[in-house]
Amino acid sequence: MADDRGAGRAGPPPEGRVARRQRRNREALIRAARLEMMEKGLDAATMLEIAERADVGAGTVYNYFKSKEELALAAMEDVMRDLSLRIKTVTDSFDDPARVYAFGLRNLLETASGDSRWRQLLSRTEVIADAIYRQTGPYAIADLEAAKAAGCFDFADAALLWRLSTHAIVGVSLAITHGDLARSVVDETVIRLLCMAGVDVPTATELARRPCPPLPPEEVG
């Protein structure tokens, strides 16, 4: 007799009405926070304004986030995930896995040092570096491993390399926003981070200076 113990076994149970409402409220609050941070800045935005924009009660915000800073970090993690997907949309057409990684590095550095929402939280260096690692890591680590498998890179541990890189990205971006470094240092930073992946300076320089197609626009709303 065939083993039918798995017959009819369903996937996860459907999302209940309460859980669905909670998920929608949380997503609405994150979207609203992204927009408020973009338009007014974190300091000027209030939890009441974010709640009104999300169309939820003012007190409801604190059912999901303990503070404005916690909500802002959740919004930034959403921005990071979105950036990773926008980068992937472009790099899916690339044939060279090393170029894929270089393109991601450049766009992450340029965004972190140029987007006002990132600048508002960069001073929390450890928190932001960890958030970048968690939100962009699945893509960056996969890109590193693909480039290594193709013989382009030579390193021992992709996860460790990406963790080191995220701290470098935050540090350089913070220095740019403070005016301690010129924005032109982005090129040299990309080159040095590529060298960390195991390529020589001429190869890293050529990779860093390849044409960069524009990213698709960010969609929030």
N, C-alpha and C. Protein backbone atom coordinates (compact mmCIF):
# COMPACT_ATOMS: atom_id res chain seq x y z
N MET A 1 0.86 -1.19 0.00
CA MET A 1 0.00 0.00 0.00
C MET A 1 0.89 1.24 0.00
N ALA A 2 0.52 2.19 -0.83
CA ALA A 2 1.31 3.42 -0.90
C ALA A 2 1.17 4.20 0.40
N ASP A 3 2.24 4.84 0.76
CA ASP A 3 2.23 5.65 1.98
C ASP A 3 1.53 6.96 1.67
N ASP A 4 0.34 7.15 2.26
CA ASP A 4 -0.42 8.35 1.95
C ASP A 4 -0.44 9.32 3.12
N ARG A 5 0.58 9.20 4.01
CA ARG A 5 0.59 10.07 5.17
C ARG A 5 0.69 11.54 4.78
N GLY A 6 1.29 11.78 3.62
CA GLY A 6 1.42 13.17 3.19
C GLY A 6 0.29 13.63 2.30
N ALA A 7 -0.64 12.69 1.97
CA ALA A 7 -1.73 13.05 1.07
C ALA A 7 -2.61 14.10 1.71
N GLY A 8 -2.93 15.07 0.94
CA GLY A 8 -3.81 16.12 1.41
C GLY A 8 -3.16 17.10 2.37
N ARG A 9 -1.86 16.92 2.59
CA ARG A 9 -1.17 17.82 3.51
C ARG A 9 -1.09 19.20 2.89
N ALA A 10 -1.63 20.16 3.58
CA ALA A 10 -1.69 21.51 3.04
C ALA A 10 -0.48 22.31 3.49
N GLY A 11 -0.34 23.47 2.89
CA GLY A 11 0.71 24.38 3.30
C GLY A 11 0.32 25.08 4.58
N PRO A 12 0.95 26.22 4.85
CA PRO A 12 0.61 26.95 6.07
C PRO A 12 -0.85 27.37 6.07
N PRO A 13 -1.46 27.46 7.23
CA PRO A 13 -2.87 27.84 7.29
C PRO A 13 -3.09 29.24 6.73
N PRO A 14 -4.26 29.50 6.19
CA PRO A 14 -4.52 30.84 5.64
C PRO A 14 -4.44 31.89 6.74
N GLU A 15 -4.05 33.07 6.35
CA GLU A 15 -3.90 34.18 7.29
C GLU A 15 -5.28 34.60 7.80
N GLY A 16 -5.44 34.67 9.09
CA GLY A 16 -6.71 35.06 9.69
C GLY A 16 -6.97 36.55 9.52
N ARG A 17 -8.22 36.93 9.81
CA ARG A 17 -8.62 38.32 9.62
C ARG A 17 -7.81 39.27 10.51
N VAL A 18 -7.61 38.88 11.78
CA VAL A 18 -6.86 39.74 12.69
C VAL A 18 -5.41 39.86 12.25
N ALA A 19 -4.79 38.74 11.91
CA ALA A 19 -3.39 38.77 11.46
C ALA A 19 -3.25 39.58 10.18
N ARG A 20 -4.24 39.46 9.29
CA ARG A 20 -4.19 40.22 8.04
C ARG A 20 -4.28 41.72 8.31
N ARG A 21 -5.16 42.11 9.23
CA ARG A 21 -5.29 43.53 9.58
C ARG A 21 -4.00 44.05 10.22
N GLN A 22 -3.40 43.24 11.09
CA GLN A 22 -2.16 43.66 11.74
C GLN A 22 -1.03 43.83 10.73
N ARG A 23 -0.95 42.89 9.78
CA ARG A 23 0.09 43.00 8.75
C ARG A 23 -0.12 44.26 7.91
N ARG A 24 -1.35 44.52 7.53
CA ARG A 24 -1.63 45.70 6.71
C ARG A 24 -1.34 46.99 7.46
N ASN A 25 -1.68 47.03 8.74
CA ASN A 25 -1.39 48.22 9.54
C ASN A 25 0.11 48.45 9.63
N ARG A 26 0.86 47.39 9.88
CA ARG A 26 2.31 47.53 10.00
C ARG A 26 2.92 48.00 8.68
N GLU A 27 2.48 47.40 7.58
CA GLU A 27 2.99 47.81 6.27
C GLU A 27 2.63 49.26 5.97
N ALA A 28 1.41 49.67 6.33
CA ALA A 28 0.98 51.05 6.09
C ALA A 28 1.82 52.03 6.91
N LEU A 29 2.13 51.68 8.13
CA LEU A 29 2.96 52.54 8.98
C LEU A 29 4.37 52.67 8.42
N ILE A 30 4.92 51.58 7.92
CA ILE A 30 6.27 51.63 7.34
C ILE A 30 6.28 52.49 6.08
N ARG A 31 5.27 52.32 5.22
CA ARG A 31 5.20 53.16 4.02
C ARG A 31 5.06 54.64 4.39
N ALA A 32 4.21 54.91 5.37
CA ALA A 32 4.01 56.30 5.79
C ALA A 32 5.30 56.88 6.36
N ALA A 33 6.02 56.10 7.14
CA ALA A 33 7.28 56.58 7.72
C ALA A 33 8.30 56.85 6.62
N ARG A 34 8.36 56.01 5.61
CA ARG A 34 9.27 56.25 4.49
C ARG A 34 8.99 57.60 3.84
N LEU A 35 7.72 57.89 3.61
CA LEU A 35 7.34 59.13 2.96
C LEU A 35 7.61 60.34 3.86
N GLU A 36 7.29 60.21 5.14
CA GLU A 36 7.53 61.32 6.07
C GLU A 36 9.02 61.61 6.19
N MET A 37 9.83 60.56 6.24
CA MET A 37 11.28 60.75 6.33
C MET A 37 11.82 61.41 5.08
N MET A 38 11.23 61.07 3.94
CA MET A 38 11.67 61.65 2.67
C MET A 38 11.27 63.12 2.58
N GLU A 39 10.07 63.45 3.02
CA GLU A 39 9.54 64.80 2.84
C GLU A 39 9.93 65.76 3.96
N LYS A 40 9.96 65.28 5.20
CA LYS A 40 10.18 66.17 6.34
C LYS A 40 11.46 65.88 7.11
N GLY A 41 11.91 64.65 7.05
CA GLY A 41 13.04 64.24 7.87
C GLY A 41 12.56 63.60 9.15
N LEU A 42 13.39 62.77 9.71
CA LEU A 42 13.02 62.01 10.90
C LEU A 42 12.72 62.92 12.09
N ASP A 43 13.53 63.95 12.29
CA ASP A 43 13.34 64.82 13.45
C ASP A 43 12.02 65.58 13.37
N ALA A 44 11.66 66.03 12.18
CA ALA A 44 10.44 66.85 12.04
C ALA A 44 9.17 66.01 12.03
N ALA A 45 9.24 64.78 11.55
CA ALA A 45 8.06 63.93 11.48
C ALA A 45 7.62 63.52 12.88
N THR A 46 6.32 63.42 13.07
CA THR A 46 5.79 62.97 14.36
C THR A 46 5.06 61.65 14.18
N MET A 47 4.92 60.93 15.27
CA MET A 47 4.19 59.66 15.22
C MET A 47 2.73 59.90 14.85
N LEU A 48 2.17 61.02 15.28
CA LEU A 48 0.78 61.33 14.94
C LEU A 48 0.63 61.52 13.44
N GLU A 49 1.57 62.26 12.83
CA GLU A 49 1.51 62.49 11.38
C GLU A 49 1.67 61.18 10.62
N ILE A 50 2.57 60.33 11.10
CA ILE A 50 2.77 59.04 10.44
C ILE A 50 1.51 58.19 10.55
N ALA A 51 0.90 58.18 11.74
CA ALA A 51 -0.33 57.42 11.94
C ALA A 51 -1.45 57.93 11.04
N GLU A 52 -1.60 59.25 10.94
CA GLU A 52 -2.64 59.82 10.09
C GLU A 52 -2.40 59.46 8.63
N ARG A 53 -1.16 59.51 8.22
CA ARG A 53 -0.83 59.17 6.83
C ARG A 53 -1.11 57.70 6.55
N ALA A 54 -0.90 56.86 7.56
CA ALA A 54 -1.15 55.42 7.42
C ALA A 54 -2.62 55.07 7.61
N ASP A 55 -3.40 56.07 8.05
CA ASP A 55 -4.84 55.88 8.30
C ASP A 55 -5.08 54.87 9.42
N VAL A 56 -4.31 55.02 10.49
CA VAL A 56 -4.52 54.21 11.68
C VAL A 56 -4.59 55.14 12.89
N GLY A 57 -5.16 54.67 13.98
CA GLY A 57 -5.26 55.48 15.18
C GLY A 57 -3.89 55.81 15.74
N ALA A 58 -3.80 57.00 16.37
CA ALA A 58 -2.51 57.43 16.89
C ALA A 58 -1.93 56.44 17.89
N GLY A 59 -2.77 55.90 18.74
CA GLY A 59 -2.29 54.95 19.73
C GLY A 59 -1.92 53.61 19.14
N THR A 60 -2.46 53.32 17.94
CA THR A 60 -2.20 52.03 17.30
C THR A 60 -0.73 51.87 16.94
N VAL A 61 -0.05 52.99 16.66
CA VAL A 61 1.36 52.93 16.25
C VAL A 61 2.18 52.16 17.28
N TYR A 62 1.88 52.41 18.55
CA TYR A 62 2.70 51.83 19.61
C TYR A 62 2.38 50.36 19.85
N ASN A 63 1.38 49.84 19.18
CA ASN A 63 1.15 48.40 19.21
C ASN A 63 2.16 47.67 18.33
N TYR A 64 2.79 48.42 17.43
CA TYR A 64 3.71 47.82 16.46
C TYR A 64 5.15 48.27 16.67
N PHE A 65 5.34 49.52 17.12
CA PHE A 65 6.68 50.08 17.27
C PHE A 65 6.76 50.84 18.59
N LYS A 66 7.82 50.60 19.34
CA LYS A 66 7.95 51.21 20.67
C LYS A 66 8.29 52.69 20.60
N SER A 67 8.92 53.11 19.50
CA SER A 67 9.37 54.50 19.39
C SER A 67 9.47 54.89 17.93
N LYS A 68 9.63 56.18 17.70
CA LYS A 68 9.80 56.67 16.33
C LYS A 68 11.09 56.13 15.73
N GLU A 69 12.12 55.99 16.55
CA GLU A 69 13.39 55.47 16.05
C GLU A 69 13.25 54.01 15.59
N GLU A 70 12.47 53.23 16.34
CA GLU A 70 12.26 51.84 15.94
C GLU A 70 11.49 51.76 14.63
N LEU A 71 10.49 52.61 14.48
CA LEU A 71 9.73 52.67 13.22
C LEU A 71 10.62 53.14 12.08
N ALA A 72 11.46 54.13 12.35
CA ALA A 72 12.37 54.63 11.30
C ALA A 72 13.31 53.54 10.83
N LEU A 73 13.81 52.73 11.75
CA LEU A 73 14.71 51.65 11.36
C LEU A 73 13.96 50.61 10.52
N ALA A 74 12.72 50.30 10.90
CA ALA A 74 11.93 49.37 10.10
C ALA A 74 11.69 49.93 8.71
N ALA A 75 11.45 51.24 8.63
CA ALA A 75 11.26 51.87 7.32
C ALA A 75 12.54 51.79 6.50
N MET A 76 13.70 52.01 7.15
CA MET A 76 14.96 51.94 6.43
C MET A 76 15.26 50.53 5.95
N GLU A 77 14.91 49.54 6.75
CA GLU A 77 15.11 48.15 6.31
C GLU A 77 14.25 47.87 5.09
N ASP A 78 13.07 48.44 5.04
CA ASP A 78 12.20 48.30 3.87
C ASP A 78 12.85 48.98 2.66
N VAL A 79 13.44 50.15 2.88
CA VAL A 79 14.14 50.87 1.80
C VAL A 79 15.31 50.02 1.28
N MET A 80 16.03 49.38 2.21
CA MET A 80 17.17 48.55 1.82
C MET A 80 16.73 47.35 0.98
N ARG A 81 15.65 46.71 1.40
CA ARG A 81 15.15 45.56 0.61
C ARG A 81 14.71 46.02 -0.77
N ASP A 82 14.06 47.16 -0.82
CA ASP A 82 13.62 47.71 -2.10
C ASP A 82 14.81 48.02 -3.00
N LEU A 83 15.85 48.61 -2.43
CA LEU A 83 17.05 48.92 -3.22
C LEU A 83 17.67 47.64 -3.78
N SER A 84 17.73 46.59 -2.97
CA SER A 84 18.29 45.32 -3.44
C SER A 84 17.52 44.79 -4.63
N LEU A 85 16.21 44.88 -4.58
CA LEU A 85 15.37 44.39 -5.69
C LEU A 85 15.54 45.25 -6.93
N ARG A 86 15.68 46.56 -6.74
CA ARG A 86 15.90 47.44 -7.90
C ARG A 86 17.25 47.18 -8.55
N ILE A 87 18.27 46.92 -7.73
CA ILE A 87 19.58 46.57 -8.27
C ILE A 87 19.49 45.26 -9.04
N LYS A 88 18.80 44.29 -8.48
CA LYS A 88 18.67 42.98 -9.12
C LYS A 88 17.95 43.09 -10.46
N THR A 89 16.97 43.98 -10.54
CA THR A 89 16.25 44.18 -11.79
C THR A 89 17.21 44.55 -12.92
N VAL A 90 18.21 45.36 -12.59
CA VAL A 90 19.20 45.78 -13.60
C VAL A 90 20.22 44.67 -13.84
N THR A 91 20.76 44.10 -12.78
CA THR A 91 21.87 43.16 -12.94
C THR A 91 21.44 41.80 -13.48
N ASP A 92 20.15 41.51 -13.49
CA ASP A 92 19.69 40.25 -14.08
C ASP A 92 20.07 40.16 -15.56
N SER A 93 20.35 41.30 -16.19
CA SER A 93 20.72 41.29 -17.60
C SER A 93 22.24 41.23 -17.80
N PHE A 94 23.04 41.25 -16.72
CA PHE A 94 24.49 41.23 -16.83
C PHE A 94 24.98 39.79 -17.02
N ASP A 95 26.00 39.62 -17.85
CA ASP A 95 26.60 38.31 -18.05
C ASP A 95 27.77 38.05 -17.10
N ASP A 96 28.41 39.11 -16.63
CA ASP A 96 29.61 39.00 -15.81
C ASP A 96 29.23 39.10 -14.33
N PRO A 97 29.39 38.03 -13.54
CA PRO A 97 29.00 38.08 -12.12
C PRO A 97 29.83 39.08 -11.31
N ALA A 98 31.06 39.33 -11.73
CA ALA A 98 31.87 40.33 -11.02
C ALA A 98 31.28 41.72 -11.23
N ARG A 99 30.77 41.98 -12.41
CA ARG A 99 30.14 43.28 -12.68
C ARG A 99 28.86 43.43 -11.85
N VAL A 100 28.15 42.33 -11.65
CA VAL A 100 26.94 42.36 -10.83
C VAL A 100 27.27 42.88 -9.42
N TYR A 101 28.31 42.31 -8.84
CA TYR A 101 28.70 42.70 -7.48
C TYR A 101 29.20 44.14 -7.45
N ALA A 102 30.00 44.53 -8.42
CA ALA A 102 30.52 45.89 -8.46
C ALA A 102 29.39 46.91 -8.60
N PHE A 103 28.41 46.60 -9.42
CA PHE A 103 27.27 47.48 -9.62
C PHE A 103 26.49 47.65 -8.31
N GLY A 104 26.30 46.55 -7.59
CA GLY A 104 25.60 46.62 -6.31
C GLY A 104 26.35 47.47 -5.30
N LEU A 105 27.68 47.29 -5.23
CA LEU A 105 28.48 48.09 -4.32
C LEU A 105 28.33 49.58 -4.61
N ARG A 106 28.46 49.95 -5.87
CA ARG A 106 28.39 51.37 -6.23
C ARG A 106 27.03 51.96 -5.86
N ASN A 107 25.98 51.26 -6.20
CA ASN A 107 24.65 51.82 -5.94
C ASN A 107 24.35 51.88 -4.45
N LEU A 108 24.83 50.93 -3.70
CA LEU A 108 24.63 50.98 -2.25
C LEU A 108 25.39 52.15 -1.65
N LEU A 109 26.63 52.36 -2.06
CA LEU A 109 27.42 53.48 -1.56
C LEU A 109 26.80 54.82 -1.95
N GLU A 110 26.41 54.95 -3.20
CA GLU A 110 25.85 56.22 -3.66
C GLU A 110 24.53 56.53 -2.96
N THR A 111 23.73 55.49 -2.73
CA THR A 111 22.45 55.70 -2.04
C THR A 111 22.67 56.04 -0.58
N ALA A 112 23.53 55.29 0.09
CA ALA A 112 23.77 55.50 1.51
C ALA A 112 24.33 56.89 1.79
N SER A 113 25.13 57.42 0.88
CA SER A 113 25.75 58.73 1.09
C SER A 113 24.94 59.87 0.49
N GLY A 114 23.92 59.55 -0.33
CA GLY A 114 23.19 60.62 -1.01
C GLY A 114 21.72 60.73 -0.67
N ASP A 115 21.11 59.67 -0.16
CA ASP A 115 19.68 59.66 0.15
C ASP A 115 19.47 60.25 1.55
N SER A 116 18.61 61.24 1.66
CA SER A 116 18.41 61.93 2.94
C SER A 116 17.93 60.99 4.03
N ARG A 117 17.16 59.96 3.68
CA ARG A 117 16.66 59.03 4.70
C ARG A 117 17.80 58.22 5.31
N TRP A 118 18.76 57.83 4.50
CA TRP A 118 19.92 57.10 5.02
C TRP A 118 20.75 58.00 5.93
N ARG A 119 20.93 59.25 5.49
CA ARG A 119 21.76 60.18 6.26
C ARG A 119 21.22 60.38 7.68
N GLN A 120 19.91 60.29 7.83
CA GLN A 120 19.29 60.53 9.14
C GLN A 120 19.65 59.45 10.16
N LEU A 121 20.07 58.28 9.69
CA LEU A 121 20.34 57.17 10.61
C LEU A 121 21.77 56.65 10.54
N LEU A 122 22.59 57.21 9.66
CA LEU A 122 23.95 56.68 9.49
C LEU A 122 24.78 56.76 10.76
N SER A 123 24.50 57.75 11.60
CA SER A 123 25.31 57.88 12.82
C SER A 123 25.13 56.70 13.77
N ARG A 124 24.04 55.95 13.60
CA ARG A 124 23.87 54.71 14.38
C ARG A 124 24.59 53.60 13.61
N THR A 125 25.90 53.72 13.55
CA THR A 125 26.69 52.92 12.61
C THR A 125 26.50 51.42 12.78
N GLU A 126 26.55 50.94 14.01
CA GLU A 126 26.45 49.48 14.21
C GLU A 126 25.07 48.97 13.82
N VAL A 127 24.03 49.74 14.17
CA VAL A 127 22.67 49.32 13.86
C VAL A 127 22.44 49.31 12.36
N ILE A 128 22.89 50.36 11.68
CA ILE A 128 22.68 50.46 10.24
C ILE A 128 23.52 49.43 9.50
N ALA A 129 24.77 49.23 9.91
CA ALA A 129 25.61 48.21 9.26
C ALA A 129 24.98 46.83 9.39
N ASP A 130 24.43 46.54 10.58
CA ASP A 130 23.78 45.24 10.77
C ASP A 130 22.53 45.13 9.91
N ALA A 131 21.76 46.22 9.80
CA ALA A 131 20.56 46.20 8.97
C ALA A 131 20.91 45.99 7.50
N ILE A 132 21.96 46.66 7.03
CA ILE A 132 22.40 46.46 5.65
C ILE A 132 22.81 45.01 5.44
N TYR A 133 23.55 44.47 6.41
CA TYR A 133 24.00 43.08 6.28
C TYR A 133 22.81 42.14 6.16
N ARG A 134 21.80 42.34 6.99
CA ARG A 134 20.65 41.42 7.00
C ARG A 134 19.75 41.60 5.77
N GLN A 135 19.55 42.84 5.35
CA GLN A 135 18.59 43.09 4.28
C GLN A 135 19.17 42.93 2.88
N THR A 136 20.43 43.28 2.70
CA THR A 136 21.05 43.15 1.38
C THR A 136 21.92 41.91 1.27
N GLY A 137 22.24 41.30 2.43
CA GLY A 137 23.14 40.16 2.45
C GLY A 137 22.74 39.00 1.55
N PRO A 138 21.46 38.58 1.55
CA PRO A 138 21.09 37.45 0.68
C PRO A 138 21.45 37.68 -0.78
N TYR A 139 21.37 38.91 -1.22
CA TYR A 139 21.70 39.22 -2.62
C TYR A 139 23.21 39.36 -2.80
N ALA A 140 23.86 40.15 -1.94
CA ALA A 140 25.29 40.39 -2.08
C ALA A 140 26.11 39.12 -1.91
N ILE A 141 25.74 38.31 -0.92
CA ILE A 141 26.49 37.06 -0.68
C ILE A 141 26.32 36.11 -1.85
N ALA A 142 25.10 36.04 -2.40
CA ALA A 142 24.89 35.20 -3.59
C ALA A 142 25.71 35.70 -4.77
N ASP A 143 25.80 37.04 -4.91
CA ASP A 143 26.59 37.61 -6.01
C ASP A 143 28.07 37.29 -5.82
N LEU A 144 28.56 37.40 -4.59
CA LEU A 144 29.96 37.06 -4.31
C LEU A 144 30.25 35.61 -4.65
N GLU A 145 29.38 34.72 -4.22
CA GLU A 145 29.61 33.30 -4.45
C GLU A 145 29.53 32.95 -5.93
N ALA A 146 28.64 33.63 -6.66
CA ALA A 146 28.55 33.39 -8.11
C ALA A 146 29.83 33.84 -8.80
N ALA A 147 30.36 34.99 -8.38
CA ALA A 147 31.60 35.49 -8.98
C ALA A 147 32.79 34.59 -8.64
N LYS A 148 32.79 34.05 -7.42
CA LYS A 148 33.86 33.13 -7.04
C LYS A 148 33.77 31.84 -7.86
N ALA A 149 32.56 31.33 -8.02
CA ALA A 149 32.37 30.09 -8.79
C ALA A 149 32.79 30.27 -10.24
N ALA A 150 32.66 31.51 -10.75
CA ALA A 150 33.06 31.79 -12.14
C ALA A 150 34.56 32.07 -12.26
N GLY A 151 35.27 32.05 -11.15
CA GLY A 151 36.71 32.29 -11.18
C GLY A 151 37.09 33.75 -11.16
N CYS A 152 36.12 34.65 -10.90
CA CYS A 152 36.40 36.09 -10.91
C CYS A 152 36.98 36.57 -9.57
N PHE A 153 36.51 35.99 -8.47
CA PHE A 153 36.92 36.41 -7.14
C PHE A 153 37.62 35.27 -6.42
N ASP A 154 38.35 35.63 -5.37
CA ASP A 154 39.05 34.63 -4.56
C ASP A 154 39.03 35.09 -3.11
N PHE A 155 38.16 34.48 -2.31
CA PHE A 155 38.04 34.82 -0.90
C PHE A 155 37.64 33.56 -0.15
N ALA A 156 37.71 33.62 1.17
CA ALA A 156 37.43 32.42 1.97
C ALA A 156 35.98 32.33 2.42
N ASP A 157 35.38 33.45 2.82
CA ASP A 157 34.07 33.42 3.46
C ASP A 157 33.24 34.60 2.97
N ALA A 158 32.23 34.34 2.16
CA ALA A 158 31.42 35.41 1.57
C ALA A 158 30.67 36.19 2.64
N ALA A 159 30.13 35.50 3.65
CA ALA A 159 29.36 36.19 4.68
C ALA A 159 30.24 37.14 5.48
N LEU A 160 31.46 36.69 5.83
CA LEU A 160 32.38 37.55 6.55
C LEU A 160 32.79 38.74 5.69
N LEU A 161 33.08 38.49 4.42
CA LEU A 161 33.48 39.57 3.52
C LEU A 161 32.37 40.62 3.42
N TRP A 162 31.12 40.17 3.34
CA TRP A 162 30.03 41.14 3.22
C TRP A 162 29.84 41.90 4.53
N ARG A 163 30.02 41.24 5.65
CA ARG A 163 29.89 41.94 6.93
C ARG A 163 30.96 43.04 7.05
N LEU A 164 32.18 42.73 6.67
CA LEU A 164 33.24 43.74 6.69
C LEU A 164 32.91 44.88 5.73
N SER A 165 32.36 44.54 4.57
CA SER A 165 32.05 45.55 3.56
C SER A 165 30.95 46.49 4.02
N THR A 166 29.95 45.96 4.72
CA THR A 166 28.86 46.83 5.17
C THR A 166 29.36 47.88 6.15
N HIS A 167 30.28 47.51 7.02
CA HIS A 167 30.82 48.49 7.95
C HIS A 167 31.65 49.54 7.21
N ALA A 168 32.38 49.12 6.20
CA ALA A 168 33.14 50.09 5.40
C ALA A 168 32.20 51.04 4.66
N ILE A 169 31.12 50.51 4.12
CA ILE A 169 30.15 51.33 3.39
C ILE A 169 29.53 52.38 4.31
N VAL A 170 29.15 51.97 5.51
CA VAL A 170 28.56 52.91 6.46
C VAL A 170 29.58 53.97 6.87
N GLY A 171 30.80 53.54 7.16
CA GLY A 171 31.83 54.49 7.59
C GLY A 171 32.15 55.53 6.53
N VAL A 172 32.31 55.08 5.29
CA VAL A 172 32.61 56.02 4.20
C VAL A 172 31.43 56.93 3.94
N SER A 173 30.23 56.38 3.93
CA SER A 173 29.03 57.18 3.67
C SER A 173 28.84 58.24 4.74
N LEU A 174 29.08 57.87 6.00
CA LEU A 174 28.97 58.83 7.09
C LEU A 174 29.98 59.95 6.93
N ALA A 175 31.21 59.61 6.56
CA ALA A 175 32.25 60.62 6.36
C ALA A 175 31.90 61.56 5.21
N ILE A 176 31.29 61.02 4.15
CA ILE A 176 30.86 61.87 3.03
C ILE A 176 29.77 62.84 3.48
N THR A 177 28.79 62.33 4.23
CA THR A 177 27.69 63.20 4.66
C THR A 177 28.16 64.28 5.63
N HIS A 178 29.23 64.00 6.39
CA HIS A 178 29.78 64.99 7.32
C HIS A 178 30.72 65.97 6.62
N GLY A 179 31.03 65.71 5.35
CA GLY A 179 31.95 66.58 4.62
C GLY A 179 33.40 66.25 4.85
N ASP A 180 33.68 65.14 5.53
CA ASP A 180 35.07 64.76 5.78
C ASP A 180 35.71 64.10 4.56
N LEU A 181 34.91 63.55 3.68
CA LEU A 181 35.38 62.97 2.43
C LEU A 181 34.54 63.52 1.28
N ALA A 182 35.15 63.66 0.11
CA ALA A 182 34.42 64.11 -1.07
C ALA A 182 33.64 62.93 -1.66
N ARG A 183 32.54 63.22 -2.36
CA ARG A 183 31.75 62.16 -2.96
C ARG A 183 32.55 61.38 -3.99
N SER A 184 33.61 61.98 -4.52
CA SER A 184 34.44 61.29 -5.51
C SER A 184 35.15 60.07 -4.93
N VAL A 185 35.17 59.96 -3.59
CA VAL A 185 35.83 58.82 -2.95
C VAL A 185 35.05 57.53 -3.17
N VAL A 186 33.81 57.64 -3.66
CA VAL A 186 33.02 56.44 -3.93
C VAL A 186 33.75 55.51 -4.89
N ASP A 187 34.34 56.07 -5.93
CA ASP A 187 35.08 55.25 -6.91
C ASP A 187 36.18 54.44 -6.22
N GLU A 188 37.00 55.10 -5.43
CA GLU A 188 38.11 54.43 -4.78
C GLU A 188 37.61 53.40 -3.77
N THR A 189 36.50 53.69 -3.11
CA THR A 189 35.94 52.75 -2.15
C THR A 189 35.47 51.48 -2.84
N VAL A 190 34.79 51.63 -3.97
CA VAL A 190 34.35 50.45 -4.73
C VAL A 190 35.55 49.62 -5.14
N ILE A 191 36.60 50.28 -5.59
CA ILE A 191 37.81 49.57 -6.01
C ILE A 191 38.41 48.77 -4.84
N ARG A 192 38.52 49.40 -3.68
CA ARG A 192 39.12 48.72 -2.53
C ARG A 192 38.25 47.58 -2.03
N LEU A 193 36.93 47.74 -2.08
CA LEU A 193 36.05 46.65 -1.66
C LEU A 193 36.12 45.49 -2.65
N LEU A 194 36.31 45.79 -3.92
CA LEU A 194 36.50 44.72 -4.90
C LEU A 194 37.82 43.99 -4.66
N CYS A 195 38.85 44.74 -4.28
CA CYS A 195 40.13 44.10 -3.96
C CYS A 195 39.98 43.16 -2.77
N MET A 196 39.13 43.50 -1.82
CA MET A 196 38.88 42.61 -0.70
C MET A 196 38.30 41.28 -1.16
N ALA A 197 37.62 41.30 -2.32
CA ALA A 197 37.04 40.06 -2.86
C ALA A 197 38.07 39.22 -3.59
N GLY A 198 39.29 39.75 -3.71
CA GLY A 198 40.37 38.93 -4.26
C GLY A 198 40.76 39.24 -5.67
N VAL A 199 40.57 40.48 -6.12
CA VAL A 199 41.03 40.85 -7.46
C VAL A 199 42.12 41.91 -7.32
N ASP A 200 42.95 42.04 -8.36
CA ASP A 200 44.02 43.03 -8.29
C ASP A 200 43.46 44.42 -8.59
N VAL A 201 44.28 45.44 -8.33
CA VAL A 201 43.82 46.82 -8.47
C VAL A 201 43.40 47.15 -9.91
N PRO A 202 44.18 46.79 -10.95
CA PRO A 202 43.74 47.11 -12.31
C PRO A 202 42.39 46.48 -12.65
N THR A 203 42.19 45.22 -12.25
CA THR A 203 40.91 44.56 -12.52
C THR A 203 39.78 45.24 -11.76
N ALA A 204 40.03 45.54 -10.49
CA ALA A 204 39.01 46.21 -9.68
C ALA A 204 38.68 47.59 -10.25
N THR A 205 39.69 48.30 -10.71
CA THR A 205 39.47 49.64 -11.29
C THR A 205 38.61 49.55 -12.54
N GLU A 206 38.91 48.57 -13.39
CA GLU A 206 38.13 48.41 -14.62
C GLU A 206 36.68 48.06 -14.29
N LEU A 207 36.48 47.17 -13.32
CA LEU A 207 35.13 46.79 -12.92
C LEU A 207 34.37 47.98 -12.35
N ALA A 208 35.03 48.75 -11.50
CA ALA A 208 34.37 49.87 -10.84
C ALA A 208 33.97 50.96 -11.81
N ARG A 209 34.65 51.05 -12.94
CA ARG A 209 34.41 52.16 -13.87
C ARG A 209 33.59 51.76 -15.09
N ARG A 210 33.04 50.57 -15.05
CA ARG A 210 32.15 50.18 -16.14
C ARG A 210 30.86 51.02 -16.09
N PRO A 211 30.22 51.21 -17.24
CA PRO A 211 28.98 52.00 -17.25
C PRO A 211 27.93 51.42 -16.30
N CYS A 212 27.23 52.30 -15.62
CA CYS A 212 26.19 51.89 -14.67
C CYS A 212 24.82 52.32 -15.17
N PRO A 213 24.03 51.39 -15.67
CA PRO A 213 22.67 51.75 -16.08
C PRO A 213 21.89 52.30 -14.88
N PRO A 214 20.94 53.20 -15.13
CA PRO A 214 20.16 53.74 -14.00
C PRO A 214 19.27 52.68 -13.38
N LEU A 215 19.01 52.85 -12.10
CA LEU A 215 18.08 51.97 -11.41
C LEU A 215 16.65 52.36 -11.76
N PRO A 216 15.73 51.42 -11.73
CA PRO A 216 14.32 51.80 -11.87
C PRO A 216 13.92 52.67 -10.71
N PRO A 217 12.96 53.57 -10.90
CA PRO A 217 12.57 54.49 -9.81
C PRO A 217 12.00 53.75 -8.61
N GLU A 218 12.22 54.34 -7.46
CA GLU A 218 11.64 53.80 -6.23
C GLU A 218 10.14 54.09 -6.21
N GLU A 219 9.38 53.11 -5.82
CA GLU A 219 7.93 53.28 -5.74
C GLU A 219 7.50 53.14 -4.29
N VAL A 220 6.92 54.19 -3.74
CA VAL A 220 6.41 54.17 -2.38
C VAL A 220 5.00 54.74 -2.42
N GLY A 221 4.07 54.05 -1.78
CA GLY A 221 2.71 54.57 -1.76
C GLY A 221 1.71 53.47 -1.64
